[in-house]
Amino acid sequence: MLLNGGLNGPAGFAPARITAIETAYSNTLAAIPPGPAREGGIATGVAAATAMIAARAGDGRFPAAPFTFPIGTLPGEWRPTSGVNDPAAWLKDVKPFVLRDPDLFRARKPNALHTRAYAADYNEVKEIGRATGSPRTQAQTDAANYWGLTNATATIASVLRSVGDTQGGTIADHARMFASTYANVADAVIVTWRDKARYTFWRPITAIQQGDADGNPATEGEPTWTSLIAAPPYPDHPSGLSAVGCSAMESLQYFYGRDAATFSGTTLSGVTRTFDSFSQVCEDIVDARVWSGIHFRFADTESAKIGQRVAHWGNRHSFR
């Protein structure tokens, strides 16, 4: 699908990932005895994949002349913090899988620099999201690192596998769960990247280092400030991971008809967290991105709403 590059790293379907998928596929098939069921399953999968590839031809992925986020110079305008401009900024132009009009799900614009709301978010992330000298608890730091140090979309995938393993259902049920969840997630990402291009709002690290120039007397600048987690190479508003996580969890709430569930997720580095509800994952991500120092809270809460609204619409119009 779209989430081939993750939300903490470069985009592009890396050869190593293709190899990992092919290995997992081969190992799975090797465990199934030869026979009509096995061959029928392979044929069904090939037919579905072929139909999807045909349906998505020319959908806007990997364009010859890709869009890049404009680099600003004025207060509030985004600029790269790592020297990299998102190579997957073209996500904003991809045709949605389910939504008819992605702009109907857009986020509210970022808080204006002169407002109290902006100053409150600024001072929160400045205090708790800093790399050193933060009042973060160990639990908050652990959450920030869990969602920030490795590929976060791979962590979400681990969560979905755990849910499938622990919450019951047939193989057909699980196939439907994965299909509906990932379609909703992909559309939430498209909406989010359209908004990132629409608002091109600066990251906290830029805002705080240049805080004395934003015109707000309640935001004191700190030129040497750095965040706990390095900022990804695209604008702040709205948050990509909050859209992904909250869309996925809204999809699971609808699929299972409840919020309470016990499941886990494991990062690529082997760190596991256990959750007691689907909504807990969404809340964990929203907080963690602030504790990481890479998002203003408003970017996270608005993106959580994007993810939930997109999944709500998709669930009721395409996955009934």
Foldseek 3Di string as FASTA:
>chain_A
DQCQAFQQGAHDNDPVNVVVVVVVVVVVLVVDDDDDVSVVVVVVVVVVVVVVCVVQVPQQFPDPDADWADADDAAFAAHFPPPDIHPRLSLLRGDAPFDPDLVVLAFDADDQLADPLNLVLLVLLLAQFFQPDHPDDPVLVVLLCQCFVARNVLQVVQQLVQCDVFVDDDPVLSVLLVVLLVSLLSSLLNSQSNNLNVRNTYWSLVCQLPVVRRPYPSRHHDVVTDGNHHAHNTGAAADSVLLSLLLNLLSVCVSSVHFADWGWTAGPVGDIDIDGGSVVRSVSVLSSCSSRSGHRSSNNVRSSSSSNVSNVVSCVPPVD
